Structure formats: C-alpha cells, structure tokens
Amino acid sequence: MNMKSYLAFLVQMILWSVFSVAEWISDKDHLEYKWIMFVLFFYLAFMAAKKIVESRRLTLFITSFSLSCFFIFKIAFENIMEIF
C-alpha cells in the first residue's frame, strides 16, 4: 500500500467519522433521510479518494475497505459500550 492509498484511506475514515456524528445528531430523522445522507457521504468519500489515487479500481477497493473497517469499528465500539 503506497502513501497515496494510505492518505485516501485516512481521509475516508475521517469522512465516515463525520457521517457517524451526523447520524448521531439526526437521531430522530426518518430512515430514508439517513440513507440519503449515507449515499452523499459515500459519494463524497469516493470522489475524495479518486482525486487522491487517480485509479477507479483502487478507489473502489479503498472505499469498500474503509467502509468495512468503519462498520467493524462501529459495531465493536457499540458492543464495548453495552458492557459498561
């Protein structure tokens, strides 16, 4: 993994964290609005990585990898918080 890929991954993790905060703030919104917000953040993350990496295939891989990591971290964090 070269430096550009790592940078794109970090930028996307920051964007997914902002998405998490936005989702938390909009707790009472309908599910449709949360899906629209997810699609917008996904598009923003994809475009940011595409601008950094300049390869569509690598961008798709980095986006899916960062999204998977984000959801794994989110589920792990929620499970840890239930224990305490």
N, C-alpha and C. Protein backbone atom coordinates (compact mmCIF):
# COMPACT_ATOMS: atom_id res chain seq x y z
N MET A 1 0.86 -1.18 0.00
CA MET A 1 0.00 0.00 0.00
C MET A 1 0.90 1.23 0.00
N ASN A 2 0.76 2.04 -1.01
CA ASN A 2 1.61 3.22 -1.09
C ASN A 2 1.01 4.39 -0.31
N MET A 3 1.71 5.48 -0.27
CA MET A 3 1.33 6.62 0.57
C MET A 3 0.02 7.25 0.12
N LYS A 4 -0.23 7.32 -1.18
CA LYS A 4 -1.48 7.90 -1.67
C LYS A 4 -2.68 7.07 -1.24
N SER A 5 -2.53 5.76 -1.28
CA SER A 5 -3.63 4.88 -0.85
C SER A 5 -3.89 5.04 0.63
N TYR A 6 -2.83 5.13 1.40
CA TYR A 6 -2.96 5.33 2.84
C TYR A 6 -3.62 6.66 3.15
N LEU A 7 -3.23 7.71 2.45
CA LEU A 7 -3.84 9.03 2.64
C LEU A 7 -5.32 8.99 2.29
N ALA A 8 -5.66 8.35 1.19
CA ALA A 8 -7.07 8.24 0.79
C ALA A 8 -7.87 7.48 1.85
N PHE A 9 -7.28 6.41 2.40
CA PHE A 9 -7.94 5.65 3.46
C PHE A 9 -8.18 6.52 4.69
N LEU A 10 -7.18 7.30 5.09
CA LEU A 10 -7.34 8.17 6.26
C LEU A 10 -8.39 9.25 6.04
N VAL A 11 -8.40 9.84 4.86
CA VAL A 11 -9.41 10.85 4.54
C VAL A 11 -10.80 10.24 4.60
N GLN A 12 -10.93 9.04 4.07
CA GLN A 12 -12.24 8.39 4.10
C GLN A 12 -12.66 8.03 5.52
N MET A 13 -11.73 7.60 6.35
CA MET A 13 -12.08 7.29 7.74
C MET A 13 -12.54 8.55 8.47
N ILE A 14 -11.93 9.68 8.15
CA ILE A 14 -12.38 10.95 8.73
C ILE A 14 -13.80 11.26 8.25
N LEU A 15 -14.05 11.05 6.97
CA LEU A 15 -15.39 11.30 6.44
C LEU A 15 -16.42 10.36 7.06
N TRP A 16 -16.08 9.09 7.24
CA TRP A 16 -17.02 8.16 7.88
C TRP A 16 -17.26 8.54 9.34
N SER A 17 -16.27 9.10 10.00
CA SER A 17 -16.46 9.56 11.37
C SER A 17 -17.40 10.76 11.41
N VAL A 18 -17.25 11.65 10.46
CA VAL A 18 -18.17 12.79 10.36
C VAL A 18 -19.59 12.29 10.06
N PHE A 19 -19.70 11.27 9.21
CA PHE A 19 -21.01 10.67 8.94
C PHE A 19 -21.61 10.10 10.22
N SER A 20 -20.80 9.47 11.04
CA SER A 20 -21.28 8.89 12.29
C SER A 20 -21.82 9.98 13.22
N VAL A 21 -21.11 11.09 13.31
CA VAL A 21 -21.57 12.21 14.13
C VAL A 21 -22.85 12.79 13.57
N ALA A 22 -22.92 12.95 12.26
CA ALA A 22 -24.14 13.48 11.63
C ALA A 22 -25.31 12.54 11.84
N GLU A 23 -25.06 11.25 11.78
CA GLU A 23 -26.11 10.26 12.02
C GLU A 23 -26.58 10.33 13.48
N TRP A 24 -25.65 10.54 14.39
CA TRP A 24 -25.99 10.63 15.80
C TRP A 24 -26.81 11.90 16.08
N ILE A 25 -26.45 13.01 15.43
CA ILE A 25 -27.18 14.26 15.62
C ILE A 25 -28.59 14.15 15.05
N SER A 26 -28.74 13.48 13.93
CA SER A 26 -30.05 13.35 13.28
C SER A 26 -30.75 12.06 13.72
N ASP A 27 -30.73 11.81 15.01
CA ASP A 27 -31.27 10.57 15.57
C ASP A 27 -32.76 10.39 15.29
N LYS A 28 -33.50 11.49 15.25
CA LYS A 28 -34.95 11.40 15.09
C LYS A 28 -35.42 11.50 13.64
N ASP A 29 -34.49 11.57 12.71
CA ASP A 29 -34.86 11.63 11.30
C ASP A 29 -35.38 10.29 10.82
N HIS A 30 -36.11 10.34 9.73
CA HIS A 30 -36.62 9.10 9.12
C HIS A 30 -35.47 8.31 8.51
N LEU A 31 -35.72 7.03 8.32
CA LEU A 31 -34.70 6.14 7.77
C LEU A 31 -34.31 6.55 6.35
N GLU A 32 -35.26 7.07 5.57
CA GLU A 32 -34.97 7.49 4.20
C GLU A 32 -33.93 8.61 4.17
N TYR A 33 -34.02 9.54 5.12
CA TYR A 33 -33.07 10.65 5.16
C TYR A 33 -31.68 10.17 5.55
N LYS A 34 -31.63 9.16 6.42
CA LYS A 34 -30.33 8.61 6.79
C LYS A 34 -29.69 7.88 5.61
N TRP A 35 -30.49 7.21 4.80
CA TRP A 35 -29.97 6.56 3.60
C TRP A 35 -29.45 7.59 2.59
N ILE A 36 -30.20 8.67 2.44
CA ILE A 36 -29.76 9.74 1.53
C ILE A 36 -28.45 10.33 2.02
N MET A 37 -28.34 10.55 3.32
CA MET A 37 -27.11 11.07 3.90
C MET A 37 -25.95 10.09 3.70
N PHE A 38 -26.22 8.78 3.85
CA PHE A 38 -25.19 7.77 3.62
C PHE A 38 -24.71 7.80 2.18
N VAL A 39 -25.63 7.89 1.24
CA VAL A 39 -25.26 7.93 -0.18
C VAL A 39 -24.42 9.17 -0.47
N LEU A 40 -24.78 10.30 0.11
CA LEU A 40 -24.00 11.52 -0.11
C LEU A 40 -22.59 11.40 0.46
N PHE A 41 -22.47 10.83 1.65
CA PHE A 41 -21.14 10.65 2.23
C PHE A 41 -20.33 9.61 1.46
N PHE A 42 -21.00 8.57 0.97
CA PHE A 42 -20.31 7.57 0.15
C PHE A 42 -19.76 8.21 -1.11
N TYR A 43 -20.58 9.03 -1.77
CA TYR A 43 -20.14 9.72 -2.98
C TYR A 43 -18.98 10.67 -2.68
N LEU A 44 -19.08 11.39 -1.58
CA LEU A 44 -18.01 12.32 -1.20
C LEU A 44 -16.71 11.56 -0.90
N ALA A 45 -16.81 10.45 -0.19
CA ALA A 45 -15.62 9.64 0.12
C ALA A 45 -15.02 9.06 -1.15
N PHE A 46 -15.88 8.59 -2.05
CA PHE A 46 -15.40 8.01 -3.30
C PHE A 46 -14.69 9.07 -4.15
N MET A 47 -15.27 10.25 -4.26
CA MET A 47 -14.67 11.31 -5.06
C MET A 47 -13.36 11.81 -4.45
N ALA A 48 -13.30 11.87 -3.13
CA ALA A 48 -12.07 12.30 -2.47
C ALA A 48 -10.94 11.31 -2.74
N ALA A 49 -11.25 10.02 -2.62
CA ALA A 49 -10.22 9.01 -2.88
C ALA A 49 -9.84 8.97 -4.35
N LYS A 50 -10.81 9.17 -5.23
CA LYS A 50 -10.50 9.16 -6.67
C LYS A 50 -9.58 10.33 -7.02
N LYS A 51 -9.78 11.44 -6.38
CA LYS A 51 -8.92 12.60 -6.63
C LYS A 51 -7.49 12.34 -6.13
N ILE A 52 -7.36 11.63 -5.02
CA ILE A 52 -6.04 11.36 -4.45
C ILE A 52 -5.33 10.24 -5.21
N VAL A 53 -6.05 9.13 -5.46
CA VAL A 53 -5.42 7.93 -6.02
C VAL A 53 -5.37 7.95 -7.54
N GLU A 54 -6.37 8.51 -8.18
CA GLU A 54 -6.48 8.62 -9.64
C GLU A 54 -6.59 7.26 -10.33
N SER A 55 -7.17 6.29 -9.65
CA SER A 55 -7.43 4.97 -10.24
C SER A 55 -8.80 4.51 -9.76
N ARG A 56 -9.68 4.24 -10.69
CA ARG A 56 -11.05 3.88 -10.33
C ARG A 56 -11.10 2.56 -9.57
N ARG A 57 -10.34 1.58 -10.00
CA ARG A 57 -10.35 0.27 -9.34
C ARG A 57 -9.80 0.36 -7.92
N LEU A 58 -8.69 1.05 -7.75
CA LEU A 58 -8.10 1.21 -6.43
C LEU A 58 -9.00 2.06 -5.53
N THR A 59 -9.65 3.06 -6.11
CA THR A 59 -10.59 3.88 -5.35
C THR A 59 -11.74 3.05 -4.83
N LEU A 60 -12.28 2.18 -5.66
CA LEU A 60 -13.38 1.32 -5.23
C LEU A 60 -12.93 0.37 -4.12
N PHE A 61 -11.71 -0.17 -4.24
CA PHE A 61 -11.19 -1.05 -3.21
C PHE A 61 -10.99 -0.30 -1.89
N ILE A 62 -10.38 0.88 -1.95
CA ILE A 62 -10.13 1.66 -0.73
C ILE A 62 -11.44 2.08 -0.08
N THR A 63 -12.42 2.48 -0.89
CA THR A 63 -13.71 2.89 -0.34
C THR A 63 -14.41 1.72 0.34
N SER A 64 -14.43 0.57 -0.29
CA SER A 64 -15.08 -0.58 0.34
C SER A 64 -14.32 -1.03 1.58
N PHE A 65 -12.99 -0.96 1.55
CA PHE A 65 -12.19 -1.34 2.71
C PHE A 65 -12.41 -0.37 3.87
N SER A 66 -12.42 0.92 3.60
CA SER A 66 -12.61 1.89 4.68
C SER A 66 -14.02 1.80 5.25
N LEU A 67 -15.00 1.56 4.39
CA LEU A 67 -16.37 1.42 4.86
C LEU A 67 -16.52 0.17 5.72
N SER A 68 -15.88 -0.92 5.31
CA SER A 68 -15.91 -2.15 6.11
C SER A 68 -15.24 -1.94 7.46
N CYS A 69 -14.09 -1.29 7.46
CA CYS A 69 -13.40 -1.01 8.72
C CYS A 69 -14.24 -0.12 9.62
N PHE A 70 -14.87 0.88 9.03
CA PHE A 70 -15.71 1.78 9.82
C PHE A 70 -16.84 1.02 10.50
N PHE A 71 -17.55 0.17 9.76
CA PHE A 71 -18.67 -0.56 10.35
C PHE A 71 -18.19 -1.59 11.38
N ILE A 72 -17.04 -2.21 11.15
CA ILE A 72 -16.49 -3.14 12.15
C ILE A 72 -16.15 -2.38 13.43
N PHE A 73 -15.49 -1.22 13.30
CA PHE A 73 -15.15 -0.41 14.48
C PHE A 73 -16.42 0.07 15.19
N LYS A 74 -17.42 0.45 14.42
CA LYS A 74 -18.67 0.95 15.00
C LYS A 74 -19.37 -0.14 15.79
N ILE A 75 -19.46 -1.33 15.23
CA ILE A 75 -20.11 -2.45 15.92
C ILE A 75 -19.31 -2.83 17.17
N ALA A 76 -18.00 -2.88 17.06
CA ALA A 76 -17.16 -3.21 18.21
C ALA A 76 -17.32 -2.17 19.32
N PHE A 77 -17.33 -0.90 18.95
CA PHE A 77 -17.49 0.17 19.94
C PHE A 77 -18.85 0.09 20.62
N GLU A 78 -19.92 -0.15 19.84
CA GLU A 78 -21.24 -0.27 20.43
C GLU A 78 -21.33 -1.46 21.38
N ASN A 79 -20.69 -2.59 21.03
CA ASN A 79 -20.68 -3.74 21.92
C ASN A 79 -19.89 -3.49 23.20
N ILE A 80 -18.78 -2.78 23.08
CA ILE A 80 -18.00 -2.42 24.27
C ILE A 80 -18.79 -1.49 25.17
N MET A 81 -19.51 -0.55 24.58
CA MET A 81 -20.29 0.40 25.39
C MET A 81 -21.45 -0.29 26.11
N GLU A 82 -21.98 -1.38 25.55
CA GLU A 82 -23.05 -2.13 26.22
C GLU A 82 -22.54 -2.82 27.46
N ILE A 83 -21.27 -3.24 27.45
CA ILE A 83 -20.70 -3.93 28.59
C ILE A 83 -20.59 -2.97 29.78
N PHE A 84 -20.17 -1.74 29.51
CA PHE A 84 -20.01 -0.76 30.58
C PHE A 84 -21.29 -0.03 30.75
